[in-house]
């Protein structure tokens, strides 16, 4: 399993219809309408979450480990696309 920071997990939850309900210190509390499940995501800069807590939070959110891995691959490819776009723009401007 790839590691993921709390910020990355928060973005993943928001893309999967989880809503930020409140922030309590360094923990962001997420919930879904019609569900009593609450997920507390520790956000400590870009520090990676430990594997056990990451698995637990993904399980509570109803997300699989493979969806997390697919998302990280998608984000990497988006970063490459943005880099390619900026290269193309720079070439046009020259």
PDB file of N, CA and C in Angstrom:
ATOM      1  N   UNK A   1       0.850  -1.183   0.000  1.00  0.00           N
ATOM      2  CA  UNK A   1       0.000   0.000   0.000  1.00  0.00           C
ATOM      3  C   UNK A   1       0.887   1.234   0.000  1.00  0.00           C
ATOM      4  N   UNK A   2       0.594   2.181  -0.889  1.00  0.00           N
ATOM      5  CA  UNK A   2       1.338   3.435  -0.927  1.00  0.00           C
ATOM      6  C   UNK A   2       0.917   4.309   0.245  1.00  0.00           C
ATOM      7  N   UNK A   3       1.838   5.131   0.705  1.00  0.00           N
ATOM      8  CA  UNK A   3       1.498   6.031   1.798  1.00  0.00           C
ATOM      9  C   UNK A   3       0.738   7.229   1.240  1.00  0.00           C
ATOM     10  N   UNK A   4       0.070   7.936   2.134  1.00  0.00           N
ATOM     11  CA  UNK A   4      -0.749   9.076   1.736  1.00  0.00           C
ATOM     12  C   UNK A   4      -0.777  10.030   2.919  1.00  0.00           C
ATOM     13  N   UNK A   5      -0.712  11.316   2.646  1.00  0.00           N
ATOM     14  CA  UNK A   5      -0.777  12.293   3.732  1.00  0.00           C
ATOM     15  C   UNK A   5      -2.241  12.539   4.100  1.00  0.00           C
ATOM     16  N   UNK A   6      -2.445  13.169   5.232  1.00  0.00           N
ATOM     17  CA  UNK A   6      -3.806  13.510   5.641  1.00  0.00           C
ATOM     18  C   UNK A   6      -4.472  14.442   4.645  1.00  0.00           C
ATOM     19  N   UNK A   7      -3.692  15.380   4.084  1.00  0.00           N
ATOM     20  CA  UNK A   7      -4.244  16.302   3.080  1.00  0.00           C
ATOM     21  C   UNK A   7      -4.741  15.538   1.856  1.00  0.00           C
ATOM     22  N   UNK A   8      -3.944  14.564   1.404  1.00  0.00           N
ATOM     23  CA  UNK A   8      -4.331  13.763   0.235  1.00  0.00           C
ATOM     24  C   UNK A   8      -5.585  12.945   0.524  1.00  0.00           C
ATOM     25  N   UNK A   9      -5.663  12.372   1.738  1.00  0.00           N
ATOM     26  CA  UNK A   9      -6.840  11.595   2.114  1.00  0.00           C
ATOM     27  C   UNK A   9      -8.073  12.496   2.160  1.00  0.00           C
ATOM     28  N   UNK A  10      -7.917  13.715   2.670  1.00  0.00           N
ATOM     29  CA  UNK A  10      -9.042  14.653   2.724  1.00  0.00           C
ATOM     30  C   UNK A  10      -9.550  14.953   1.311  1.00  0.00           C
ATOM     31  N   UNK A  11      -8.646  15.154   0.363  1.00  0.00           N
ATOM     32  CA  UNK A  11      -9.045  15.403  -1.022  1.00  0.00           C
ATOM     33  C   UNK A  11      -9.776  14.199  -1.602  1.00  0.00           C
ATOM     34  N   UNK A  12      -9.281  12.992  -1.307  1.00  0.00           N
ATOM     35  CA  UNK A  12      -9.912  11.769  -1.782  1.00  0.00           C
ATOM     36  C   UNK A  12     -11.330  11.644  -1.224  1.00  0.00           C
ATOM     37  N   UNK A  13     -11.499  11.931   0.067  1.00  0.00           N
ATOM     38  CA  UNK A  13     -12.826  11.857   0.677  1.00  0.00           C
ATOM     39  C   UNK A  13     -13.777  12.859   0.021  1.00  0.00           C
ATOM     40  N   UNK A  14     -13.294  14.079  -0.203  1.00  0.00           N
ATOM     41  CA  UNK A  14     -14.146  15.103  -0.799  1.00  0.00           C
ATOM     42  C   UNK A  14     -14.557  14.730  -2.224  1.00  0.00           C
ATOM     43  N   UNK A  15     -13.669  14.075  -2.969  1.00  0.00           N
ATOM     44  CA  UNK A  15     -14.016  13.615  -4.322  1.00  0.00           C
ATOM     45  C   UNK A  15     -15.052  12.494  -4.289  1.00  0.00           C
ATOM     46  N   UNK A  16     -15.184  11.845  -3.132  1.00  0.00           N
ATOM     47  CA  UNK A  16     -16.144  10.746  -2.980  1.00  0.00           C
ATOM     48  C   UNK A  16     -17.344  11.167  -2.138  1.00  0.00           C
ATOM     49  N   UNK A  17     -17.709  12.445  -2.239  1.00  0.00           N
ATOM     50  CA  UNK A  17     -18.947  12.989  -1.645  1.00  0.00           C
ATOM     51  C   UNK A  17     -18.954  13.101  -0.128  1.00  0.00           C
ATOM     52  N   UNK A  18     -17.798  13.066   0.513  1.00  0.00           N
ATOM     53  CA  UNK A  18     -17.727  13.307   1.946  1.00  0.00           C
ATOM     54  C   UNK A  18     -17.634  14.808   2.154  1.00  0.00           C
ATOM     55  N   UNK A  19     -18.299  15.311   3.183  1.00  0.00           N
ATOM     56  CA  UNK A  19     -18.326  16.738   3.465  1.00  0.00           C
ATOM     57  C   UNK A  19     -17.526  17.045   4.721  1.00  0.00           C
ATOM     58  N   UNK A  20     -16.776  18.130   4.683  1.00  0.00           N
ATOM     59  CA  UNK A  20     -16.051  18.587   5.866  1.00  0.00           C
ATOM     60  C   UNK A  20     -17.070  19.201   6.811  1.00  0.00           C
ATOM     61  N   UNK A  21     -17.246  18.594   7.973  1.00  0.00           N
ATOM     62  CA  UNK A  21     -18.230  19.070   8.939  1.00  0.00           C
ATOM     63  C   UNK A  21     -17.637  20.110   9.883  1.00  0.00           C
ATOM     64  N   UNK A  22     -16.411  19.847  10.334  1.00  0.00           N
ATOM     65  CA  UNK A  22     -15.757  20.789  11.246  1.00  0.00           C
ATOM     66  C   UNK A  22     -14.280  20.463  11.318  1.00  0.00           C
ATOM     67  N   UNK A  23     -13.543  21.400  11.877  1.00  0.00           N
ATOM     68  CA  UNK A  23     -12.114  21.201  12.121  1.00  0.00           C
ATOM     69  C   UNK A  23     -11.906  21.369  13.615  1.00  0.00           C
ATOM     70  N   UNK A  24     -11.268  20.382  14.197  1.00  0.00           N
ATOM     71  CA  UNK A  24     -11.003  20.425  15.626  1.00  0.00           C
ATOM     72  C   UNK A  24      -9.505  20.234  15.808  1.00  0.00           C
ATOM     73  N   UNK A  25      -8.796  21.345  15.978  1.00  0.00           N
ATOM     74  CA  UNK A  25      -7.342  21.282  16.059  1.00  0.00           C
ATOM     75  C   UNK A  25      -6.772  20.894  14.714  1.00  0.00           C
ATOM     76  N   UNK A  26      -5.962  19.835  14.695  1.00  0.00           N
ATOM     77  CA  UNK A  26      -5.365  19.396  13.434  1.00  0.00           C
ATOM     78  C   UNK A  26      -6.149  18.247  12.806  1.00  0.00           C
ATOM     79  N   UNK A  27      -7.364  17.993  13.285  1.00  0.00           N
ATOM     80  CA  UNK A  27      -8.178  16.902  12.754  1.00  0.00           C
ATOM     81  C   UNK A  27      -9.388  17.468  12.016  1.00  0.00           C
ATOM     82  N   UNK A  28      -9.568  17.022  10.779  1.00  0.00           N
ATOM     83  CA  UNK A  28     -10.719  17.416   9.985  1.00  0.00           C
ATOM     84  C   UNK A  28     -11.748  16.302  10.082  1.00  0.00           C
ATOM     85  N   UNK A  29     -12.969  16.657  10.453  1.00  0.00           N
ATOM     86  CA  UNK A  29     -14.024  15.682  10.664  1.00  0.00           C
ATOM     87  C   UNK A  29     -14.938  15.688   9.445  1.00  0.00           C
ATOM     88  N   UNK A  30     -15.078  14.521   8.806  1.00  0.00           N
ATOM     89  CA  UNK A  30     -15.892  14.377   7.597  1.00  0.00           C
ATOM     90  C   UNK A  30     -17.110  13.510   7.876  1.00  0.00           C
ATOM     91  N   UNK A  31     -18.183  13.772   7.149  1.00  0.00           N
ATOM     92  CA  UNK A  31     -19.393  12.979   7.241  1.00  0.00           C
ATOM     93  C   UNK A  31     -20.110  12.973   5.903  1.00  0.00           C
ATOM     94  N   UNK A  32     -21.080  12.081   5.784  1.00  0.00           N
ATOM     95  CA  UNK A  32     -21.909  12.003   4.582  1.00  0.00           C
ATOM     96  C   UNK A  32     -23.358  12.206   4.994  1.00  0.00           C
ATOM     97  N   UNK A  33     -24.121  12.942   4.192  1.00  0.00           N
ATOM     98  CA  UNK A  33     -25.543  13.110   4.510  1.00  0.00           C
ATOM     99  C   UNK A  33     -26.238  11.757   4.605  1.00  0.00           C
ATOM    100  N   UNK A  34     -27.057  11.602   5.639  1.00  0.00           N
ATOM    101  CA  UNK A  34     -27.807  10.360   5.799  1.00  0.00           C
ATOM    102  C   UNK A  34     -27.017   9.230   6.431  1.00  0.00           C
ATOM    103  N   UNK A  35     -25.775   9.499   6.838  1.00  0.00           N
ATOM    104  CA  UNK A  35     -24.948   8.462   7.444  1.00  0.00           C
ATOM    105  C   UNK A  35     -24.461   8.947   8.814  1.00  0.00           C
ATOM    106  N   UNK A  36     -24.400   8.035   9.757  1.00  0.00           N
ATOM    107  CA  UNK A  36     -23.915   8.406  11.087  1.00  0.00           C
ATOM    108  C   UNK A  36     -22.397   8.266  11.201  1.00  0.00           C
ATOM    109  N   UNK A  37     -21.752   7.786  10.147  1.00  0.00           N
ATOM    110  CA  UNK A  37     -20.300   7.581  10.159  1.00  0.00           C
ATOM    111  C   UNK A  37     -19.591   8.928  10.113  1.00  0.00           C
ATOM    112  N   UNK A  38     -18.630   9.106  11.000  1.00  0.00           N
ATOM    113  CA  UNK A  38     -17.784  10.298  11.022  1.00  0.00           C
ATOM    114  C   UNK A  38     -16.344   9.833  10.891  1.00  0.00           C
ATOM    115  N   UNK A  39     -15.578  10.524  10.069  1.00  0.00           N
ATOM    116  CA  UNK A  39     -14.179  10.169   9.861  1.00  0.00           C
ATOM    117  C   UNK A  39     -13.318  11.346  10.291  1.00  0.00           C
ATOM    118  N   UNK A  40     -12.401  11.099  11.202  1.00  0.00           N
ATOM    119  CA  UNK A  40     -11.495  12.124  11.703  1.00  0.00           C
ATOM    120  C   UNK A  40     -10.134  11.935  11.044  1.00  0.00           C
ATOM    121  N   UNK A  41      -9.773  12.876  10.170  1.00  0.00           N
ATOM    122  CA  UNK A  41      -8.527  12.781   9.412  1.00  0.00           C
ATOM    123  C   UNK A  41      -7.480  13.689  10.049  1.00  0.00           C
ATOM    124  N   UNK A  42      -6.383  13.117  10.540  1.00  0.00           N
ATOM    125  CA  UNK A  42      -5.316  13.955  11.091  1.00  0.00           C
ATOM    126  C   UNK A  42      -4.547  14.632   9.963  1.00  0.00           C
ATOM    127  N   UNK A  43      -4.459  15.953  10.022  1.00  0.00           N
ATOM    128  CA  UNK A  43      -3.747  16.717   8.994  1.00  0.00           C
ATOM    129  C   UNK A  43      -2.538  17.347   9.668  1.00  0.00           C
ATOM    130  N   UNK A  44      -1.388  16.799   9.411  1.00  0.00           N
ATOM    131  CA  UNK A  44      -0.136  17.300   9.984  1.00  0.00           C
ATOM    132  C   UNK A  44       0.818  17.628   8.841  1.00  0.00           C
ATOM    133  N   UNK A  45       0.504  18.695   8.107  1.00  0.00           N
ATOM    134  CA  UNK A  45       1.323  19.061   6.961  1.00  0.00           C
ATOM    135  C   UNK A  45       1.254  17.978   5.903  1.00  0.00           C
ATOM    136  N   UNK A  46       2.384  17.651   5.327  1.00  0.00           N
ATOM    137  CA  UNK A  46       2.436  16.589   4.313  1.00  0.00           C
ATOM    138  C   UNK A  46       2.978  15.289   4.888  1.00  0.00           C
ATOM    139  N   UNK A  47       2.924  15.149   6.197  1.00  0.00           N
ATOM    140  CA  UNK A  47       3.408  13.941   6.853  1.00  0.00           C
ATOM    141  C   UNK A  47       2.495  12.761   6.498  1.00  0.00           C
ATOM    142  N   UNK A  48       3.093  11.657   6.090  1.00  0.00           N
ATOM    143  CA  UNK A  48       2.327  10.472   5.682  1.00  0.00           C
ATOM    144  C   UNK A  48       1.623   9.832   6.866  1.00  0.00           C
ATOM    145  N   UNK A  49       0.406   9.339   6.590  1.00  0.00           N
ATOM    146  CA  UNK A  49      -0.329   8.580   7.602  1.00  0.00           C
ATOM    147  C   UNK A  49       0.272   7.191   7.684  1.00  0.00           C
ATOM    148  N   UNK A  50       0.253   6.621   8.863  1.00  0.00           N
ATOM    149  CA  UNK A  50       0.734   5.244   9.017  1.00  0.00           C
ATOM    150  C   UNK A  50      -0.269   4.307   8.366  1.00  0.00           C
ATOM    151  N   UNK A  51       0.230   3.173   7.912  1.00  0.00           N
ATOM    152  CA  UNK A  51      -0.566   2.235   7.123  1.00  0.00           C
ATOM    153  C   UNK A  51      -1.829   1.793   7.854  1.00  0.00           C
ATOM    154  N   UNK A  52      -1.739   1.500   9.137  1.00  0.00           N
ATOM    155  CA  UNK A  52      -2.896   1.014   9.893  1.00  0.00           C
ATOM    156  C   UNK A  52      -4.026   2.023   9.949  1.00  0.00           C
ATOM    157  N   UNK A  53      -3.701   3.282  10.251  1.00  0.00           N
ATOM    158  CA  UNK A  53      -4.751   4.307  10.329  1.00  0.00           C
ATOM    159  C   UNK A  53      -5.314   4.596   8.943  1.00  0.00           C
ATOM    160  N   UNK A  54      -4.464   4.578   7.926  1.00  0.00           N
ATOM    161  CA  UNK A  54      -4.935   4.809   6.557  1.00  0.00           C
ATOM    162  C   UNK A  54      -5.919   3.721   6.143  1.00  0.00           C
ATOM    163  N   UNK A  55      -5.590   2.465   6.396  1.00  0.00           N
ATOM    164  CA  UNK A  55      -6.497   1.349   6.054  1.00  0.00           C
ATOM    165  C   UNK A  55      -7.823   1.489   6.789  1.00  0.00           C
ATOM    166  N   UNK A  56      -7.739   1.832   8.082  1.00  0.00           N
ATOM    167  CA  UNK A  56      -8.946   1.966   8.897  1.00  0.00           C
ATOM    168  C   UNK A  56      -9.851   3.079   8.355  1.00  0.00           C
ATOM    169  N   UNK A  57      -9.267   4.234   8.043  1.00  0.00           N
ATOM    170  CA  UNK A  57     -10.060   5.357   7.543  1.00  0.00           C
ATOM    171  C   UNK A  57     -10.669   5.048   6.173  1.00  0.00           C
ATOM    172  N   UNK A  58      -9.898   4.390   5.296  1.00  0.00           N
ATOM    173  CA  UNK A  58     -10.432   4.003   3.987  1.00  0.00           C
ATOM    174  C   UNK A  58     -11.584   3.014   4.143  1.00  0.00           C
ATOM    175  N   UNK A  59     -11.441   2.073   5.076  1.00  0.00           N
ATOM    176  CA  UNK A  59     -12.490   1.077   5.319  1.00  0.00           C
ATOM    177  C   UNK A  59     -13.761   1.758   5.838  1.00  0.00           C
ATOM    178  N   UNK A  60     -13.593   2.713   6.768  1.00  0.00           N
ATOM    179  CA  UNK A  60     -14.752   3.428   7.306  1.00  0.00           C
ATOM    180  C   UNK A  60     -15.458   4.229   6.219  1.00  0.00           C
ATOM    181  N   UNK A  61     -14.670   4.749   5.261  1.00  0.00           N
ATOM    182  CA  UNK A  61     -15.237   5.551   4.178  1.00  0.00           C
ATOM    183  C   UNK A  61     -15.844   4.683   3.085  1.00  0.00           C
ATOM    184  N   UNK A  62     -15.635   3.377   3.163  1.00  0.00           N
ATOM    185  CA  UNK A  62     -16.155   2.480   2.140  1.00  0.00           C
ATOM    186  C   UNK A  62     -15.338   2.520   0.863  1.00  0.00           C
ATOM    187  N   UNK A  63     -14.076   2.932   0.989  1.00  0.00           N
ATOM    188  CA  UNK A  63     -13.184   3.000  -0.166  1.00  0.00           C
ATOM    189  C   UNK A  63     -12.199   1.848  -0.087  1.00  0.00           C
ATOM    190  N   UNK A  64     -11.828   1.316  -1.233  1.00  0.00           N
ATOM    191  CA  UNK A  64     -10.866   0.223  -1.245  1.00  0.00           C
ATOM    192  C   UNK A  64      -9.457   0.778  -1.370  1.00  0.00           C
ATOM    193  N   UNK A  65      -8.489  -0.050  -1.023  1.00  0.00           N
ATOM    194  CA  UNK A  65      -7.091   0.345  -1.171  1.00  0.00           C
ATOM    195  C   UNK A  65      -6.761   0.582  -2.640  1.00  0.00           C
ATOM    196  N   UNK A  66      -7.418  -0.170  -3.525  1.00  0.00           N
ATOM    197  CA  UNK A  66      -7.129  -0.001  -4.953  1.00  0.00           C
ATOM    198  C   UNK A  66      -7.639   1.351  -5.447  1.00  0.00           C
ATOM    199  N   UNK A  67      -8.740   1.866  -4.880  1.00  0.00           N
ATOM    200  CA  UNK A  67      -9.225   3.186  -5.310  1.00  0.00           C
ATOM    201  C   UNK A  67      -8.222   4.253  -4.900  1.00  0.00           C
ATOM    202  N   UNK A  68      -7.577   4.057  -3.765  1.00  0.00           N
ATOM    203  CA  UNK A  68      -6.541   4.999  -3.315  1.00  0.00           C
ATOM    204  C   UNK A  68      -5.341   4.944  -4.242  1.00  0.00           C
ATOM    205  N   UNK A  69      -4.950   3.743  -4.661  1.00  0.00           N
ATOM    206  CA  UNK A  69      -3.799   3.607  -5.551  1.00  0.00           C
ATOM    207  C   UNK A  69      -4.118   4.158  -6.929  1.00  0.00           C
ATOM    208  N   UNK A  70      -5.332   3.933  -7.428  1.00  0.00           N
ATOM    209  CA  UNK A  70      -5.728   4.481  -8.725  1.00  0.00           C
ATOM    210  C   UNK A  70      -5.742   5.996  -8.681  1.00  0.00           C
ATOM    211  N   UNK A  71      -6.172   6.559  -7.556  1.00  0.00           N
ATOM    212  CA  UNK A  71      -6.213   8.010  -7.409  1.00  0.00           C
ATOM    213  C   UNK A  71      -4.821   8.592  -7.424  1.00  0.00           C
ATOM    214  N   UNK A  72      -3.881   7.945  -6.734  1.00  0.00           N
ATOM    215  CA  UNK A  72      -2.522   8.486  -6.712  1.00  0.00           C
ATOM    216  C   UNK A  72      -1.896   8.400  -8.102  1.00  0.00           C
ATOM    217  N   UNK A  73      -2.212   7.347  -8.858  1.00  0.00           N
ATOM    218  CA  UNK A  73      -1.712   7.247 -10.239  1.00  0.00           C
ATOM    219  C   UNK A  73      -2.329   8.335 -11.107  1.00  0.00           C
ATOM    220  N   UNK A  74      -3.623   8.603 -10.898  1.00  0.00           N
ATOM    221  CA  UNK A  74      -4.314   9.636 -11.663  1.00  0.00           C
ATOM    222  C   UNK A  74      -3.699  10.999 -11.367  1.00  0.00           C
ATOM    223  N   UNK A  75      -3.418  11.284 -10.099  1.00  0.00           N
ATOM    224  CA  UNK A  75      -2.825  12.562  -9.738  1.00  0.00           C
ATOM    225  C   UNK A  75      -1.437  12.706 -10.351  1.00  0.00           C
ATOM    226  N   UNK A  76      -0.671  11.604 -10.375  1.00  0.00           N
ATOM    227  CA  UNK A  76       0.654  11.656 -10.986  1.00  0.00           C
ATOM    228  C   UNK A  76       0.539  11.964 -12.471  1.00  0.00           C
ATOM    229  N   UNK A  77      -0.410  11.320 -13.152  1.00  0.00           N
ATOM    230  CA  UNK A  77      -0.559  11.557 -14.586  1.00  0.00           C
ATOM    231  C   UNK A  77      -1.069  12.973 -14.841  1.00  0.00           C
ATOM    232  N   UNK A  78      -1.923  13.500 -13.966  1.00  0.00           N
ATOM    233  CA  UNK A  78      -2.377  14.880 -14.118  1.00  0.00           C
ATOM    234  C   UNK A  78      -1.213  15.839 -13.976  1.00  0.00           C
ATOM    235  N   UNK A  79      -0.302  15.561 -13.061  1.00  0.00           N
ATOM    236  CA  UNK A  79       0.879  16.397 -12.892  1.00  0.00           C
ATOM    237  C   UNK A  79       1.745  16.374 -14.139  1.00  0.00           C
ATOM    238  N   UNK A  80       1.876  15.192 -14.754  1.00  0.00           N
ATOM    239  CA  UNK A  80       2.657  15.077 -15.994  1.00  0.00           C
ATOM    240  C   UNK A  80       1.972  15.834 -17.119  1.00  0.00           C
ATOM    241  N   UNK A  81       0.633  15.758 -17.189  1.00  0.00           N
ATOM    242  CA  UNK A  81      -0.103  16.475 -18.235  1.00  0.00           C
ATOM    243  C   UNK A  81       0.074  17.979 -18.081  1.00  0.00           C
ATOM    244  N   UNK A  82       0.029  18.477 -16.844  1.00  0.00           N
ATOM    245  CA  UNK A  82       0.209  19.905 -16.610  1.00  0.00           C
ATOM    246  C   UNK A  82       1.609  20.342 -17.010  1.00  0.00           C
ATOM    247  N   UNK A  83       2.600  19.501 -16.718  1.00  0.00           N
ATOM    248  CA  UNK A  83       3.975  19.819 -17.098  1.00  0.00           C
ATOM    249  C   UNK A  83       4.095  19.853 -18.610  1.00  0.00           C
ATOM    250  N   UNK A  84       3.473  18.897 -19.298  1.00  0.00           N
ATOM    251  CA  UNK A  84       3.511  18.860 -20.763  1.00  0.00           C
ATOM    252  C   UNK A  84       2.810  20.073 -21.361  1.00  0.00           C
ATOM    253  N   UNK A  85       1.684  20.493 -20.751  1.00  0.00           N
ATOM    254  CA  UNK A  85       0.970  21.667 -21.236  1.00  0.00           C
ATOM    255  C   UNK A  85       1.816  22.921 -21.087  1.00  0.00           C
ATOM    256  N   UNK A  86       2.493  23.061 -19.947  1.00  0.00           N
ATOM    257  CA  UNK A  86       3.313  24.251 -19.740  1.00  0.00           C
ATOM    258  C   UNK A  86       4.506  24.255 -20.691  1.00  0.00           C
ATOM    259  N   UNK A  87       5.065  23.073 -21.002  1.00  0.00           N
ATOM    260  CA  UNK A  87       6.156  22.986 -21.979  1.00  0.00           C
ATOM    261  C   UNK A  87       5.667  23.435 -23.355  1.00  0.00           C
ATOM    262  N   UNK A  88       4.456  22.993 -23.728  1.00  0.00           N
ATOM    263  CA  UNK A  88       3.911  23.361 -25.036  1.00  0.00           C
ATOM    264  C   UNK A  88       3.667  24.864 -25.114  1.00  0.00           C
ATOM    265  N   UNK A  89       3.173  25.447 -24.025  1.00  0.00           N
ATOM    266  CA  UNK A  89       2.933  26.893 -23.998  1.00  0.00           C
ATOM    267  C   UNK A  89       4.256  27.644 -24.112  1.00  0.00           C
ATOM    268  N   UNK A  90       5.266  27.176 -23.401  1.00  0.00           N
ATOM    269  CA  UNK A  90       6.572  27.836 -23.462  1.00  0.00           C
ATOM    270  C   UNK A  90       7.156  27.767 -24.869  1.00  0.00           C
ATOM    271  N   UNK A  91       6.966  26.634 -25.545  1.00  0.00           N
ATOM    272  CA  UNK A  91       7.476  26.491 -26.908  1.00  0.00           C
ATOM    273  C   UNK A  91       6.755  27.437 -27.864  1.00  0.00           C
ATOM    274  N   UNK A  92       5.434  27.619 -27.649  1.00  0.00           N
ATOM    275  CA  UNK A  92       4.661  28.520 -28.496  1.00  0.00           C
ATOM    276  C   UNK A  92       5.134  29.960 -28.317  1.00  0.00           C
ATOM    277  N   UNK A  93       5.466  30.329 -27.080  1.00  0.00           N
ATOM    278  CA  UNK A  93       5.868  31.699 -26.777  1.00  0.00           C
ATOM    279  C   UNK A  93       7.263  32.029 -27.297  1.00  0.00           C
ATOM    280  N   UNK A  94       8.054  31.026 -27.587  1.00  0.00           N
ATOM    281  CA  UNK A  94       9.442  31.275 -28.038  1.00  0.00           C
ATOM    282  C   UNK A  94       9.535  31.604 -29.482  1.00  0.00           C
TER     283      UNK A  94
END
